[in-house]
C-alpha atoms as a PDB file:
ATOM      1  CA  MET A   1      -0.369  15.438 -12.813  1.00  0.00           C
ATOM      2  CA  PRO A   2      -4.014  14.478 -12.263  1.00  0.00           C
ATOM      3  CA  VAL A   3      -6.422  16.697 -10.338  1.00  0.00           C
ATOM      4  CA  ILE A   4      -7.951  14.580  -7.577  1.00  0.00           C
ATOM      5  CA  SER A   5     -10.142  17.272  -5.967  1.00  0.00           C
ATOM      6  CA  MET A   6     -11.094  20.956  -6.089  1.00  0.00           C
ATOM      7  CA  PHE A   7     -12.762  23.120  -3.447  1.00  0.00           C
ATOM      8  CA  TYR A   8     -12.918  26.836  -2.562  1.00  0.00           C
ATOM      9  CA  GLY A   9     -10.555  27.716  -5.410  1.00  0.00           C
ATOM     10  CA  ILE A  10      -7.963  25.150  -4.259  1.00  0.00           C
ATOM     11  CA  ILE A  11      -6.802  22.507  -6.732  1.00  0.00           C
ATOM     12  CA  ILE A  12      -5.419  19.274  -5.289  1.00  0.00           C
ATOM     13  CA  ARG A  13      -3.110  17.150  -7.433  1.00  0.00           C
ATOM     14  CA  MET A  14      -0.898  14.133  -7.040  1.00  0.00           C
ATOM     15  CA  TYR A  15       2.071  13.393  -9.287  1.00  0.00           C
ATOM     16  CA  PHE A  16       2.631   9.947 -10.762  1.00  0.00           C
ATOM     17  CA  LEU A  17       5.841   8.170  -9.689  1.00  0.00           C
ATOM     18  CA  ASP A  18       6.634  10.949  -7.158  1.00  0.00           C
ATOM     19  CA  ASN A  19       7.814   8.862  -4.177  1.00  0.00           C
ATOM     20  CA  GLN A  20      11.323  10.366  -4.253  1.00  0.00           C
ATOM     21  CA  HIS A  21      10.291  14.064  -4.246  1.00  0.00           C
ATOM     22  CA  HIS A  22       9.851  14.510  -0.503  1.00  0.00           C
ATOM     23  CA  GLY A  23      10.359  10.939   0.671  1.00  0.00           C
ATOM     24  CA  MET A  24       6.845  10.691   2.085  1.00  0.00           C
ATOM     25  CA  PRO A  25       3.250  10.550   0.833  1.00  0.00           C
ATOM     26  CA  HIS A  26       2.112  14.047  -0.111  1.00  0.00           C
ATOM     27  CA  ILE A  27      -0.214  16.108  -2.272  1.00  0.00           C
ATOM     28  CA  HIS A  28       0.261  19.316  -4.219  1.00  0.00           C
ATOM     29  CA  ALA A  29      -2.205  22.113  -3.515  1.00  0.00           C
ATOM     30  CA  ARG A  30      -2.556  25.228  -5.663  1.00  0.00           C
ATOM     31  CA  TYR A  31      -4.505  28.367  -4.834  1.00  0.00           C
ATOM     32  CA  ALA A  32      -4.170  31.426  -7.111  1.00  0.00           C
ATOM     33  CA  GLU A  33      -0.417  32.034  -7.467  1.00  0.00           C
ATOM     34  CA  PHE A  34       0.430  29.877  -4.411  1.00  0.00           C
ATOM     35  CA  GLU A  35       1.492  26.236  -4.523  1.00  0.00           C
ATOM     36  CA  ALA A  36       2.547  23.859  -1.764  1.00  0.00           C
ATOM     37  CA  SER A  37       3.382  20.230  -1.084  1.00  0.00           C
ATOM     38  CA  ILE A  38       1.632  18.888   2.010  1.00  0.00           C
ATOM     39  CA  CYS A  39       2.224  15.604   3.845  1.00  0.00           C
ATOM     40  CA  ILE A  40      -0.726  13.203   3.856  1.00  0.00           C
ATOM     41  CA  ASN A  41       0.269  11.623   7.184  1.00  0.00           C
ATOM     42  CA  ASP A  42       0.169  14.750   9.340  1.00  0.00           C
ATOM     43  CA  GLY A  43      -0.807  17.717   7.121  1.00  0.00           C
ATOM     44  CA  GLU A  44       2.646  19.288   7.529  1.00  0.00           C
ATOM     45  CA  LEU A  45       3.725  21.824   4.915  1.00  0.00           C
ATOM     46  CA  LEU A  46       6.714  20.266   3.112  1.00  0.00           C
ATOM     47  CA  ALA A  47       7.491  22.917   0.506  1.00  0.00           C
ATOM     48  CA  GLY A  48       6.026  26.066  -0.999  1.00  0.00           C
ATOM     49  CA  GLU A  49       3.313  28.160   0.589  1.00  0.00           C
ATOM     50  CA  LEU A  50      -0.426  28.716   0.806  1.00  0.00           C
ATOM     51  CA  PRO A  51      -2.320  31.483   2.589  1.00  0.00           C
ATOM     52  CA  LYS A  52      -3.058  30.417   6.182  1.00  0.00           C
ATOM     53  CA  LYS A  53      -6.824  29.993   5.612  1.00  0.00           C
ATOM     54  CA  GLN A  54      -6.360  27.795   2.531  1.00  0.00           C
ATOM     55  CA  LEU A  55      -3.665  25.723   4.250  1.00  0.00           C
ATOM     56  CA  ARG A  56      -6.063  25.032   7.138  1.00  0.00           C
ATOM     57  CA  LEU A  57      -8.787  24.009   4.654  1.00  0.00           C
ATOM     58  CA  VAL A  58      -6.418  21.597   2.918  1.00  0.00           C
ATOM     59  CA  GLN A  59      -5.280  20.160   6.249  1.00  0.00           C
ATOM     60  CA  ALA A  60      -8.905  19.607   7.319  1.00  0.00           C
ATOM     61  CA  TRP A  61      -9.634  17.937   3.966  1.00  0.00           C
ATOM     62  CA  ILE A  62      -6.600  15.662   4.382  1.00  0.00           C
ATOM     63  CA  GLU A  63      -7.827  14.667   7.843  1.00  0.00           C
ATOM     64  CA  LEU A  64     -11.232  13.686   6.416  1.00  0.00           C
ATOM     65  CA  HIS A  65      -9.838  11.779   3.422  1.00  0.00           C
ATOM     66  CA  ARG A  66      -6.524  10.326   4.653  1.00  0.00           C
ATOM     67  CA  ASP A  67      -7.407   6.699   3.786  1.00  0.00           C
ATOM     68  CA  GLU A  68      -8.508   7.644   0.264  1.00  0.00           C
ATOM     69  CA  LEU A  69      -5.390   9.774  -0.199  1.00  0.00           C
ATOM     70  CA  MET A  70      -3.131   6.911   0.876  1.00  0.00           C
ATOM     71  CA  ALA A  71      -4.899   4.593  -1.576  1.00  0.00           C
ATOM     72  CA  ASP A  72      -4.364   7.161  -4.358  1.00  0.00           C
ATOM     73  CA  TRP A  73      -0.720   7.560  -3.271  1.00  0.00           C
ATOM     74  CA  GLU A  74      -0.128   3.819  -3.743  1.00  0.00           C
ATOM     75  CA  LEU A  75      -1.711   4.022  -7.199  1.00  0.00           C
ATOM     76  CA  ALA A  76       0.341   7.121  -8.086  1.00  0.00           C
ATOM     77  CA  ILE A  77       3.710   5.613  -7.173  1.00  0.00           C
ATOM     78  CA  ALA A  78       2.765   2.568  -9.264  1.00  0.00           C
ATOM     79  CA  GLY A  79       1.916   4.867 -12.193  1.00  0.00           C
ATOM     80  CA  GLU A  80      -1.751   3.842 -12.208  1.00  0.00           C
ATOM     81  CA  ALA A  81      -4.898   5.967 -12.641  1.00  0.00           C
ATOM     82  CA  LEU A  82      -6.045   7.850  -9.540  1.00  0.00           C
ATOM     83  CA  TYR A  83      -9.529   8.165  -8.090  1.00  0.00           C
ATOM     84  CA  LYS A  84     -11.221  11.528  -7.580  1.00  0.00           C
ATOM     85  CA  ILE A  85     -11.836  12.435  -3.945  1.00  0.00           C
ATOM     86  CA  ASP A  86     -14.869  14.408  -2.730  1.00  0.00           C
ATOM     87  CA  PRO A  87     -14.253  18.093  -2.043  1.00  0.00           C
ATOM     88  CA  LEU A  88     -14.480  19.704   1.381  1.00  0.00           C
END
């Protein structure tokens, strides 16, 4: 699962061939012992948990990079290499 960005101790990843997991484009965010899946379209928490502050940071980052995330999502479901995305 490639790391596509890191900021403020948060690691953002996207699985290859993961279009069945939640049925929608999403990322995986990890902070300390917390991990969550978050929808790219609206920033909604799909599974897991993050502290409130870190969740808001990830949601703001998604808002800023939605187009790049969707491009990476298309690459990921095709099993192709992903591009790194600038941190927050």
